[in-house]
């Protein structure tokens, strides 16, 4: 077993590499450009949300509270539609992405710590590149690759978008595994 502290460099470097590549994926690569659709009458839509007083948060519609979900009235509202989940964000957080970017970096570092933990209890010092690559790649893919499918199953994220997130996650996992394989202690 290798102490996690001995893996600080691959943890940090893989987190930074994934952060940089994920930024490039979202800013440069074309495959996420059509993940979001525009509402036809955006002005009316925005006015309706503002008039409801919906501040930052997640909203489901139509809403039912507990036992009301079994009522005929709720079921009819669902049948009539629309049915959805609305995420409202603070405008300043969208205009100034520094906080979100910092949180992303922290997330990638935390993933690196968990990947390091799995590898440290699975592999010994001097393990070969391929052995390290397999273990760390699998652990990293489980963290990065499955995120969209839960959103797809329960919250309406289109399956095609979840699949694109999985492909992105595969790239992040391969990068993480490469860094760990390269920097694994002898």
N, C-alpha and C. Protein backbone atom coordinates (compact mmCIF):
# COMPACT_ATOMS: atom_id res chain seq x y z
N UNK A 1 0.85 -1.18 0.00
CA UNK A 1 0.00 0.00 0.00
C UNK A 1 0.90 1.25 0.00
N UNK A 2 0.54 2.19 -0.81
CA UNK A 2 1.29 3.43 -0.92
C UNK A 2 0.53 4.52 -0.17
N UNK A 3 1.21 5.31 0.65
CA UNK A 3 0.50 6.41 1.33
C UNK A 3 0.00 7.44 0.31
N UNK A 4 -1.17 7.96 0.56
CA UNK A 4 -1.76 8.96 -0.34
C UNK A 4 -0.81 10.16 -0.48
N UNK A 5 -0.14 10.53 0.58
CA UNK A 5 0.77 11.68 0.52
C UNK A 5 1.86 11.48 -0.54
N UNK A 6 2.22 10.23 -0.80
CA UNK A 6 3.23 9.95 -1.82
C UNK A 6 2.70 10.18 -3.23
N UNK A 7 1.39 10.36 -3.34
CA UNK A 7 0.76 10.55 -4.65
C UNK A 7 0.28 11.98 -4.86
N UNK A 8 0.81 12.92 -4.08
CA UNK A 8 0.35 14.30 -4.18
C UNK A 8 0.59 14.89 -5.57
N UNK A 9 1.69 14.56 -6.21
CA UNK A 9 1.99 15.15 -7.52
C UNK A 9 1.02 14.66 -8.59
N UNK A 10 0.75 13.35 -8.72
CA UNK A 10 -0.24 12.95 -9.72
C UNK A 10 -1.65 13.46 -9.40
N UNK A 11 -1.97 13.59 -8.12
CA UNK A 11 -3.28 14.14 -7.74
C UNK A 11 -3.40 15.56 -8.26
N UNK A 12 -2.42 16.39 -7.95
CA UNK A 12 -2.48 17.80 -8.34
C UNK A 12 -2.37 17.95 -9.86
N UNK A 13 -1.43 17.27 -10.45
CA UNK A 13 -1.22 17.42 -11.89
C UNK A 13 -2.43 16.90 -12.68
N UNK A 14 -2.99 15.77 -12.28
CA UNK A 14 -4.16 15.26 -13.01
C UNK A 14 -5.35 16.20 -12.83
N UNK A 15 -5.53 16.77 -11.64
CA UNK A 15 -6.60 17.73 -11.43
C UNK A 15 -6.45 18.96 -12.31
N UNK A 16 -5.24 19.47 -12.42
CA UNK A 16 -4.99 20.65 -13.24
C UNK A 16 -5.17 20.32 -14.73
N UNK A 17 -4.66 19.17 -15.15
CA UNK A 17 -4.80 18.77 -16.56
C UNK A 17 -6.28 18.61 -16.93
N UNK A 18 -7.05 17.94 -16.09
CA UNK A 18 -8.48 17.75 -16.37
C UNK A 18 -9.19 19.11 -16.36
N UNK A 19 -8.83 19.99 -15.46
CA UNK A 19 -9.42 21.32 -15.42
C UNK A 19 -9.18 22.06 -16.73
N UNK A 20 -7.95 22.06 -17.20
CA UNK A 20 -7.61 22.77 -18.45
C UNK A 20 -8.33 22.14 -19.64
N UNK A 21 -8.31 20.82 -19.72
CA UNK A 21 -8.95 20.16 -20.85
C UNK A 21 -10.46 20.34 -20.80
N UNK A 22 -11.07 20.28 -19.61
CA UNK A 22 -12.51 20.48 -19.53
C UNK A 22 -12.89 21.90 -19.95
N UNK A 23 -12.07 22.88 -19.61
CA UNK A 23 -12.33 24.24 -20.06
C UNK A 23 -12.26 24.31 -21.59
N UNK A 24 -11.28 23.64 -22.17
CA UNK A 24 -11.17 23.63 -23.63
C UNK A 24 -12.36 22.90 -24.26
N UNK A 25 -12.80 21.82 -23.64
CA UNK A 25 -13.94 21.07 -24.16
C UNK A 25 -15.16 21.98 -24.26
N UNK A 26 -15.41 22.77 -23.22
CA UNK A 26 -16.61 23.60 -23.20
C UNK A 26 -16.45 24.90 -23.97
N UNK A 27 -15.24 25.41 -24.10
CA UNK A 27 -15.07 26.69 -24.80
C UNK A 27 -14.69 26.54 -26.26
N UNK A 28 -14.03 25.46 -26.62
CA UNK A 28 -13.48 25.34 -27.97
C UNK A 28 -14.16 24.25 -28.79
N UNK A 29 -14.36 23.11 -28.20
CA UNK A 29 -14.90 21.97 -28.94
C UNK A 29 -16.37 22.21 -29.31
N UNK A 30 -16.79 21.72 -30.47
CA UNK A 30 -18.15 22.02 -30.95
C UNK A 30 -19.24 21.09 -30.42
N UNK A 31 -18.90 19.97 -29.80
CA UNK A 31 -19.93 18.96 -29.52
C UNK A 31 -20.95 19.34 -28.45
N UNK A 32 -20.70 20.36 -27.65
CA UNK A 32 -21.69 20.78 -26.65
C UNK A 32 -22.46 22.03 -27.08
N UNK A 33 -22.17 22.55 -28.25
CA UNK A 33 -22.78 23.82 -28.69
C UNK A 33 -24.30 23.76 -28.79
N UNK A 34 -24.86 22.58 -29.08
CA UNK A 34 -26.31 22.46 -29.24
C UNK A 34 -26.98 21.74 -28.07
N UNK A 35 -26.31 21.68 -26.94
CA UNK A 35 -26.90 21.02 -25.77
C UNK A 35 -28.07 21.82 -25.20
N UNK A 36 -28.10 23.10 -25.44
CA UNK A 36 -29.14 23.97 -24.90
C UNK A 36 -29.95 24.56 -26.05
N UNK A 37 -31.25 24.67 -25.85
CA UNK A 37 -32.13 25.25 -26.87
C UNK A 37 -32.66 26.60 -26.40
N UNK A 38 -32.98 27.43 -27.35
CA UNK A 38 -33.54 28.75 -27.05
C UNK A 38 -35.06 28.66 -26.98
N UNK A 39 -35.64 29.37 -26.03
CA UNK A 39 -37.09 29.48 -25.93
C UNK A 39 -37.54 30.46 -27.02
N UNK A 40 -38.62 30.12 -27.73
CA UNK A 40 -39.07 30.95 -28.85
C UNK A 40 -39.31 32.41 -28.46
N UNK A 41 -40.11 32.64 -27.44
CA UNK A 41 -40.40 34.01 -27.01
C UNK A 41 -39.69 34.24 -25.68
N UNK A 42 -38.39 34.47 -25.77
CA UNK A 42 -37.56 34.57 -24.57
C UNK A 42 -38.01 35.70 -23.64
N UNK A 43 -38.39 36.83 -24.19
CA UNK A 43 -38.82 37.96 -23.37
C UNK A 43 -40.01 37.62 -22.50
N UNK A 44 -41.03 37.02 -23.09
CA UNK A 44 -42.22 36.62 -22.34
C UNK A 44 -41.87 35.58 -21.30
N UNK A 45 -41.03 34.63 -21.69
CA UNK A 45 -40.60 33.57 -20.78
C UNK A 45 -39.88 34.17 -19.57
N UNK A 46 -38.91 35.06 -19.81
CA UNK A 46 -38.16 35.68 -18.72
C UNK A 46 -39.07 36.52 -17.84
N UNK A 47 -39.99 37.27 -18.45
CA UNK A 47 -40.94 38.07 -17.66
C UNK A 47 -41.79 37.18 -16.77
N UNK A 48 -42.22 36.01 -17.28
CA UNK A 48 -43.04 35.10 -16.49
C UNK A 48 -42.26 34.57 -15.29
N UNK A 49 -41.00 34.23 -15.50
CA UNK A 49 -40.19 33.72 -14.38
C UNK A 49 -39.96 34.83 -13.36
N UNK A 50 -39.64 36.03 -13.84
CA UNK A 50 -39.44 37.15 -12.91
C UNK A 50 -40.71 37.42 -12.11
N UNK A 51 -41.88 37.38 -12.76
CA UNK A 51 -43.13 37.69 -12.08
C UNK A 51 -43.48 36.66 -11.02
N UNK A 52 -42.95 35.46 -11.16
CA UNK A 52 -43.20 34.40 -10.17
C UNK A 52 -42.28 34.54 -8.96
N UNK A 53 -41.26 35.39 -9.06
CA UNK A 53 -40.32 35.57 -7.95
C UNK A 53 -39.37 34.39 -7.77
N UNK A 54 -39.10 33.67 -8.85
CA UNK A 54 -38.22 32.51 -8.75
C UNK A 54 -36.77 32.96 -8.67
N UNK A 55 -36.20 32.91 -7.46
CA UNK A 55 -34.79 33.23 -7.28
C UNK A 55 -33.94 32.01 -7.60
N UNK A 56 -32.64 32.10 -7.41
CA UNK A 56 -31.77 30.96 -7.69
C UNK A 56 -32.24 29.71 -6.97
N UNK A 57 -32.30 28.61 -7.70
CA UNK A 57 -32.74 27.34 -7.14
C UNK A 57 -33.23 26.42 -8.24
N UNK A 58 -33.76 25.27 -7.83
CA UNK A 58 -34.34 24.30 -8.76
C UNK A 58 -35.82 24.20 -8.49
N UNK A 59 -36.59 24.26 -9.57
CA UNK A 59 -38.04 24.23 -9.47
C UNK A 59 -38.58 23.12 -10.37
N UNK A 60 -39.58 22.40 -9.88
CA UNK A 60 -40.22 21.37 -10.67
C UNK A 60 -41.66 21.82 -10.92
N UNK A 61 -42.15 21.56 -12.12
CA UNK A 61 -43.53 21.90 -12.43
C UNK A 61 -44.14 20.82 -13.32
N UNK A 62 -45.41 20.53 -13.08
CA UNK A 62 -46.24 21.01 -11.98
C UNK A 62 -45.78 20.43 -10.65
N UNK A 63 -46.01 21.17 -9.61
CA UNK A 63 -45.58 20.80 -8.26
C UNK A 63 -46.66 20.01 -7.56
N UNK A 64 -46.25 19.00 -6.81
CA UNK A 64 -47.15 18.26 -5.93
C UNK A 64 -46.41 17.99 -4.64
N UNK A 65 -47.13 18.10 -3.54
CA UNK A 65 -46.51 17.90 -2.24
C UNK A 65 -47.00 16.59 -1.64
N UNK A 66 -46.11 15.58 -1.62
CA UNK A 66 -46.41 14.32 -0.96
C UNK A 66 -47.63 13.61 -1.50
N UNK A 67 -48.66 13.52 -0.66
CA UNK A 67 -49.87 12.76 -0.99
C UNK A 67 -50.58 13.34 -2.21
N UNK A 68 -50.37 14.60 -2.50
CA UNK A 68 -51.02 15.24 -3.64
C UNK A 68 -50.60 14.59 -4.97
N UNK A 69 -49.44 13.91 -4.98
CA UNK A 69 -48.97 13.27 -6.21
C UNK A 69 -49.93 12.18 -6.69
N UNK A 70 -50.73 11.63 -5.79
CA UNK A 70 -51.69 10.59 -6.16
C UNK A 70 -53.04 11.16 -6.55
N UNK A 71 -53.22 12.46 -6.45
CA UNK A 71 -54.52 13.05 -6.73
C UNK A 71 -54.80 13.13 -8.23
N UNK A 72 -56.07 13.08 -8.57
CA UNK A 72 -56.49 13.20 -9.97
C UNK A 72 -56.13 14.58 -10.52
N UNK A 73 -56.21 15.61 -9.68
CA UNK A 73 -55.91 16.97 -10.13
C UNK A 73 -54.44 17.09 -10.56
N UNK A 74 -53.56 16.53 -9.76
CA UNK A 74 -52.13 16.60 -10.11
C UNK A 74 -51.85 15.82 -11.39
N UNK A 75 -52.40 14.63 -11.46
CA UNK A 75 -52.18 13.80 -12.65
C UNK A 75 -52.69 14.50 -13.91
N UNK A 76 -53.78 15.23 -13.80
CA UNK A 76 -54.30 15.97 -14.96
C UNK A 76 -53.37 17.13 -15.32
N UNK A 77 -52.83 17.82 -14.32
CA UNK A 77 -51.87 18.90 -14.62
C UNK A 77 -50.65 18.35 -15.33
N UNK A 78 -50.20 17.15 -14.92
CA UNK A 78 -49.05 16.52 -15.58
C UNK A 78 -49.41 16.17 -17.02
N UNK A 79 -50.59 15.59 -17.23
CA UNK A 79 -51.00 15.22 -18.59
C UNK A 79 -51.10 16.44 -19.49
N UNK A 80 -51.60 17.55 -18.96
CA UNK A 80 -51.75 18.77 -19.77
C UNK A 80 -50.40 19.38 -20.11
N UNK A 81 -49.43 19.21 -19.22
CA UNK A 81 -48.09 19.76 -19.44
C UNK A 81 -48.10 21.27 -19.45
N UNK A 82 -46.98 21.87 -19.62
CA UNK A 82 -45.68 21.22 -19.73
C UNK A 82 -45.20 20.70 -18.38
N UNK A 83 -44.29 19.75 -18.43
CA UNK A 83 -43.66 19.17 -17.26
C UNK A 83 -42.18 19.47 -17.36
N UNK A 84 -41.61 19.94 -16.27
CA UNK A 84 -40.19 20.23 -16.37
C UNK A 84 -39.52 20.53 -15.06
N UNK A 85 -38.24 20.76 -15.19
CA UNK A 85 -37.40 21.21 -14.08
C UNK A 85 -36.71 22.46 -14.57
N UNK A 86 -36.79 23.49 -13.78
CA UNK A 86 -36.19 24.77 -14.13
C UNK A 86 -35.09 25.07 -13.14
N UNK A 87 -33.93 25.34 -13.65
CA UNK A 87 -32.81 25.74 -12.79
C UNK A 87 -32.59 27.23 -13.02
N UNK A 88 -32.69 27.99 -11.96
CA UNK A 88 -32.47 29.43 -12.03
C UNK A 88 -31.18 29.73 -11.31
N UNK A 89 -30.31 30.45 -11.99
CA UNK A 89 -29.00 30.77 -11.43
C UNK A 89 -28.91 32.25 -11.15
N UNK A 90 -28.00 32.60 -10.27
CA UNK A 90 -27.69 33.99 -9.99
C UNK A 90 -26.94 34.56 -11.20
N UNK A 91 -27.44 35.68 -11.73
CA UNK A 91 -26.84 36.27 -12.91
C UNK A 91 -25.37 36.61 -12.76
N UNK A 92 -24.98 37.07 -11.59
CA UNK A 92 -23.57 37.43 -11.38
C UNK A 92 -22.65 36.22 -11.47
N UNK A 93 -23.15 35.06 -11.03
CA UNK A 93 -22.32 33.86 -11.09
C UNK A 93 -22.11 33.41 -12.53
N UNK A 94 -23.03 33.77 -13.42
CA UNK A 94 -22.88 33.43 -14.83
C UNK A 94 -21.91 34.40 -15.50
N UNK A 95 -21.99 35.66 -15.12
CA UNK A 95 -21.13 36.67 -15.73
C UNK A 95 -19.69 36.59 -15.22
N UNK A 96 -19.53 36.18 -13.97
CA UNK A 96 -18.20 36.04 -13.38
C UNK A 96 -18.01 34.58 -12.97
N UNK A 97 -17.37 33.82 -13.83
CA UNK A 97 -17.27 32.37 -13.64
C UNK A 97 -16.13 31.95 -12.74
N UNK A 98 -15.44 32.87 -12.11
CA UNK A 98 -14.27 32.49 -11.30
C UNK A 98 -14.62 31.51 -10.20
N UNK A 99 -15.74 31.73 -9.51
CA UNK A 99 -16.12 30.83 -8.42
C UNK A 99 -16.42 29.43 -8.94
N UNK A 100 -17.17 29.35 -10.04
CA UNK A 100 -17.49 28.03 -10.61
C UNK A 100 -16.21 27.35 -11.09
N UNK A 101 -15.31 28.09 -11.67
CA UNK A 101 -14.06 27.50 -12.14
C UNK A 101 -13.23 26.99 -10.96
N UNK A 102 -13.18 27.75 -9.89
CA UNK A 102 -12.45 27.32 -8.69
C UNK A 102 -13.08 26.05 -8.11
N UNK A 103 -14.41 26.00 -8.07
CA UNK A 103 -15.09 24.80 -7.56
C UNK A 103 -14.81 23.60 -8.46
N UNK A 104 -14.74 23.81 -9.77
CA UNK A 104 -14.42 22.72 -10.69
C UNK A 104 -13.03 22.17 -10.41
N UNK A 105 -12.08 23.07 -10.23
CA UNK A 105 -10.72 22.63 -9.94
C UNK A 105 -10.68 21.82 -8.65
N UNK A 106 -11.38 22.30 -7.62
CA UNK A 106 -11.43 21.56 -6.35
C UNK A 106 -12.06 20.19 -6.57
N UNK A 107 -13.13 20.12 -7.36
CA UNK A 107 -13.76 18.84 -7.65
C UNK A 107 -12.77 17.88 -8.32
N UNK A 108 -12.03 18.36 -9.31
CA UNK A 108 -11.08 17.50 -10.01
C UNK A 108 -9.95 17.06 -9.08
N UNK A 109 -9.57 17.90 -8.15
CA UNK A 109 -8.56 17.50 -7.16
C UNK A 109 -9.11 16.44 -6.20
N UNK A 110 -10.36 16.61 -5.80
CA UNK A 110 -10.99 15.62 -4.92
C UNK A 110 -11.11 14.28 -5.64
N UNK A 111 -11.51 14.31 -6.91
CA UNK A 111 -11.55 13.07 -7.69
C UNK A 111 -10.16 12.44 -7.71
N UNK A 112 -9.12 13.27 -7.89
CA UNK A 112 -7.75 12.76 -7.88
C UNK A 112 -7.39 12.09 -6.58
N UNK A 113 -7.86 12.63 -5.47
CA UNK A 113 -7.60 12.02 -4.16
C UNK A 113 -8.26 10.65 -4.08
N UNK A 114 -9.50 10.54 -4.53
CA UNK A 114 -10.18 9.24 -4.48
C UNK A 114 -9.55 8.24 -5.44
N UNK A 115 -9.16 8.71 -6.62
CA UNK A 115 -8.46 7.84 -7.56
C UNK A 115 -7.16 7.34 -6.92
N UNK A 116 -6.44 8.25 -6.28
CA UNK A 116 -5.19 7.89 -5.61
C UNK A 116 -5.44 6.86 -4.51
N UNK A 117 -6.52 7.03 -3.76
CA UNK A 117 -6.83 6.09 -2.69
C UNK A 117 -7.08 4.69 -3.25
N UNK A 118 -7.92 4.62 -4.28
CA UNK A 118 -8.21 3.31 -4.88
C UNK A 118 -6.93 2.67 -5.39
N UNK A 119 -6.11 3.45 -6.07
CA UNK A 119 -4.86 2.91 -6.61
C UNK A 119 -3.89 2.53 -5.50
N UNK A 120 -3.86 3.34 -4.45
CA UNK A 120 -2.89 3.08 -3.37
C UNK A 120 -3.18 1.79 -2.63
N UNK A 121 -4.44 1.39 -2.54
CA UNK A 121 -4.77 0.13 -1.87
C UNK A 121 -4.79 -1.05 -2.84
N UNK A 122 -4.71 -0.75 -4.14
CA UNK A 122 -4.74 -1.80 -5.15
C UNK A 122 -3.37 -2.15 -5.70
N UNK A 123 -2.46 -1.20 -5.67
CA UNK A 123 -1.16 -1.36 -6.33
C UNK A 123 -0.03 -1.04 -5.37
N UNK A 124 1.09 -1.65 -5.59
CA UNK A 124 2.26 -1.34 -4.78
C UNK A 124 3.22 -0.43 -5.53
N UNK A 125 4.22 0.02 -4.81
CA UNK A 125 5.27 0.82 -5.43
C UNK A 125 5.91 0.01 -6.54
N UNK A 126 6.25 0.68 -7.62
CA UNK A 126 6.90 0.03 -8.73
C UNK A 126 5.95 -0.68 -9.69
N UNK A 127 4.63 -0.53 -9.47
CA UNK A 127 3.67 -1.13 -10.39
C UNK A 127 3.89 -0.55 -11.79
N UNK A 128 3.66 -1.35 -12.79
CA UNK A 128 3.87 -0.93 -14.17
C UNK A 128 2.84 0.10 -14.63
N UNK A 129 3.22 0.83 -15.66
CA UNK A 129 2.35 1.88 -16.21
C UNK A 129 0.97 1.34 -16.53
N UNK A 130 0.89 0.22 -17.22
CA UNK A 130 -0.40 -0.31 -17.65
C UNK A 130 -1.28 -0.70 -16.47
N UNK A 131 -0.71 -1.29 -15.44
CA UNK A 131 -1.49 -1.66 -14.25
C UNK A 131 -2.05 -0.41 -13.57
N UNK A 132 -1.20 0.60 -13.43
CA UNK A 132 -1.65 1.87 -12.82
C UNK A 132 -2.71 2.51 -13.71
N UNK A 133 -2.47 2.52 -15.00
CA UNK A 133 -3.39 3.12 -15.96
C UNK A 133 -4.78 2.48 -15.87
N UNK A 134 -4.83 1.14 -15.79
CA UNK A 134 -6.12 0.45 -15.73
C UNK A 134 -6.89 0.81 -14.47
N UNK A 135 -6.25 0.73 -13.33
CA UNK A 135 -6.94 0.99 -12.06
C UNK A 135 -7.37 2.46 -11.96
N UNK A 136 -6.45 3.37 -12.23
CA UNK A 136 -6.78 4.79 -12.08
C UNK A 136 -7.73 5.26 -13.17
N UNK A 137 -7.61 4.70 -14.37
CA UNK A 137 -8.54 5.07 -15.44
C UNK A 137 -9.96 4.65 -15.13
N UNK A 138 -10.11 3.43 -14.60
CA UNK A 138 -11.44 2.96 -14.23
C UNK A 138 -12.03 3.81 -13.12
N UNK A 139 -11.25 4.07 -12.10
CA UNK A 139 -11.75 4.89 -10.98
C UNK A 139 -12.11 6.30 -11.46
N UNK A 140 -11.28 6.89 -12.29
CA UNK A 140 -11.55 8.24 -12.79
C UNK A 140 -12.78 8.25 -13.69
N UNK A 141 -12.94 7.20 -14.51
CA UNK A 141 -14.12 7.17 -15.38
C UNK A 141 -15.41 7.04 -14.57
N UNK A 142 -15.35 6.28 -13.48
CA UNK A 142 -16.55 6.17 -12.64
C UNK A 142 -16.93 7.53 -12.05
N UNK A 143 -15.94 8.37 -11.80
CA UNK A 143 -16.22 9.70 -11.25
C UNK A 143 -16.66 10.67 -12.34
N UNK A 144 -15.98 10.67 -13.47
CA UNK A 144 -16.24 11.67 -14.51
C UNK A 144 -17.26 11.21 -15.55
N UNK A 145 -17.36 9.93 -15.79
CA UNK A 145 -18.12 9.46 -16.93
C UNK A 145 -19.59 9.20 -16.72
N UNK A 146 -20.01 8.96 -15.50
CA UNK A 146 -21.40 8.59 -15.27
C UNK A 146 -22.29 9.75 -14.84
N UNK A 147 -21.73 10.92 -14.68
CA UNK A 147 -22.47 12.04 -14.09
C UNK A 147 -23.74 12.39 -14.86
N UNK A 148 -23.69 12.34 -16.16
CA UNK A 148 -24.85 12.75 -16.95
C UNK A 148 -25.98 11.75 -16.94
N UNK A 149 -25.69 10.47 -16.74
CA UNK A 149 -26.74 9.46 -16.83
C UNK A 149 -27.75 9.57 -15.69
N UNK A 150 -27.30 9.90 -14.49
CA UNK A 150 -28.23 10.12 -13.37
C UNK A 150 -29.16 11.29 -13.69
N UNK A 151 -28.59 12.34 -14.25
CA UNK A 151 -29.39 13.51 -14.65
C UNK A 151 -30.38 13.12 -15.75
N UNK A 152 -29.97 12.23 -16.64
CA UNK A 152 -30.84 11.80 -17.73
C UNK A 152 -31.99 10.95 -17.21
N UNK A 153 -31.69 10.03 -16.34
CA UNK A 153 -32.70 9.12 -15.82
C UNK A 153 -33.77 9.86 -15.02
N UNK A 154 -33.35 10.76 -14.14
CA UNK A 154 -34.29 11.37 -13.21
C UNK A 154 -34.69 12.80 -13.52
N UNK A 155 -33.87 13.55 -14.23
CA UNK A 155 -34.14 14.98 -14.35
C UNK A 155 -34.25 15.48 -15.77
N UNK A 156 -34.41 14.57 -16.73
CA UNK A 156 -34.74 14.98 -18.08
C UNK A 156 -33.58 15.44 -18.96
N UNK A 157 -32.35 15.27 -18.52
CA UNK A 157 -31.23 15.61 -19.38
C UNK A 157 -31.31 14.70 -20.61
N UNK A 158 -31.28 15.27 -21.81
CA UNK A 158 -31.37 14.40 -22.99
C UNK A 158 -30.27 13.33 -22.98
N UNK A 159 -30.63 12.13 -23.41
CA UNK A 159 -29.68 11.03 -23.44
C UNK A 159 -28.45 11.34 -24.27
N UNK A 160 -28.63 12.08 -25.36
CA UNK A 160 -27.49 12.44 -26.21
C UNK A 160 -26.50 13.32 -25.46
N UNK A 161 -27.01 14.18 -24.59
CA UNK A 161 -26.14 15.05 -23.80
C UNK A 161 -25.42 14.22 -22.74
N UNK A 162 -26.13 13.30 -22.11
CA UNK A 162 -25.50 12.42 -21.12
C UNK A 162 -24.39 11.60 -21.77
N UNK A 163 -24.63 11.14 -22.98
CA UNK A 163 -23.61 10.37 -23.70
C UNK A 163 -22.39 11.25 -23.98
N UNK A 164 -22.61 12.51 -24.36
CA UNK A 164 -21.48 13.41 -24.60
C UNK A 164 -20.70 13.67 -23.31
N UNK A 165 -21.40 13.78 -22.20
CA UNK A 165 -20.72 13.93 -20.91
C UNK A 165 -19.86 12.69 -20.62
N UNK A 166 -20.38 11.50 -20.97
CA UNK A 166 -19.62 10.27 -20.75
C UNK A 166 -18.36 10.25 -21.63
N UNK A 167 -18.48 10.72 -22.85
CA UNK A 167 -17.30 10.79 -23.72
C UNK A 167 -16.27 11.77 -23.16
N UNK A 168 -16.75 12.91 -22.69
CA UNK A 168 -15.84 13.86 -22.03
C UNK A 168 -15.17 13.18 -20.83
N UNK A 169 -15.98 12.47 -20.04
CA UNK A 169 -15.47 11.78 -18.87
C UNK A 169 -14.43 10.73 -19.21
N UNK A 170 -14.60 10.08 -20.37
CA UNK A 170 -13.61 9.11 -20.82
C UNK A 170 -12.27 9.80 -21.11
N UNK A 171 -12.34 10.95 -21.75
CA UNK A 171 -11.11 11.72 -22.02
C UNK A 171 -10.44 12.12 -20.70
N UNK A 172 -11.24 12.62 -19.76
CA UNK A 172 -10.68 13.03 -18.46
C UNK A 172 -10.07 11.83 -17.74
N UNK A 173 -10.72 10.67 -17.83
CA UNK A 173 -10.20 9.46 -17.18
C UNK A 173 -8.90 9.02 -17.83
N UNK A 174 -8.82 9.07 -19.14
CA UNK A 174 -7.59 8.68 -19.83
C UNK A 174 -6.43 9.61 -19.46
N UNK A 175 -6.74 10.90 -19.35
CA UNK A 175 -5.70 11.86 -18.94
C UNK A 175 -5.25 11.59 -17.51
N UNK A 176 -6.22 11.38 -16.62
CA UNK A 176 -5.89 11.08 -15.22
C UNK A 176 -5.04 9.83 -15.12
N UNK A 177 -5.45 8.78 -15.83
CA UNK A 177 -4.72 7.52 -15.79
C UNK A 177 -3.30 7.68 -16.34
N UNK A 178 -3.16 8.49 -17.38
CA UNK A 178 -1.83 8.71 -17.96
C UNK A 178 -0.92 9.41 -16.96
N UNK A 179 -1.44 10.42 -16.28
CA UNK A 179 -0.64 11.15 -15.30
C UNK A 179 -0.23 10.23 -14.16
N UNK A 180 -1.19 9.46 -13.62
CA UNK A 180 -0.86 8.55 -12.52
C UNK A 180 0.14 7.49 -12.97
N UNK A 181 -0.05 6.93 -14.18
CA UNK A 181 0.87 5.92 -14.68
C UNK A 181 2.28 6.47 -14.85
N UNK A 182 2.37 7.69 -15.32
CA UNK A 182 3.66 8.35 -15.54
C UNK A 182 4.38 8.64 -14.23
N UNK A 183 3.62 9.11 -13.22
CA UNK A 183 4.23 9.58 -11.96
C UNK A 183 4.13 8.58 -10.81
N UNK A 184 3.75 7.33 -11.12
CA UNK A 184 3.61 6.33 -10.05
C UNK A 184 4.96 6.06 -9.39
N UNK A 185 4.98 6.03 -8.06
CA UNK A 185 6.26 5.81 -7.34
C UNK A 185 6.93 4.48 -7.72
N UNK A 186 8.24 4.54 -7.87
CA UNK A 186 9.02 3.34 -8.24
C UNK A 186 9.19 2.41 -7.05
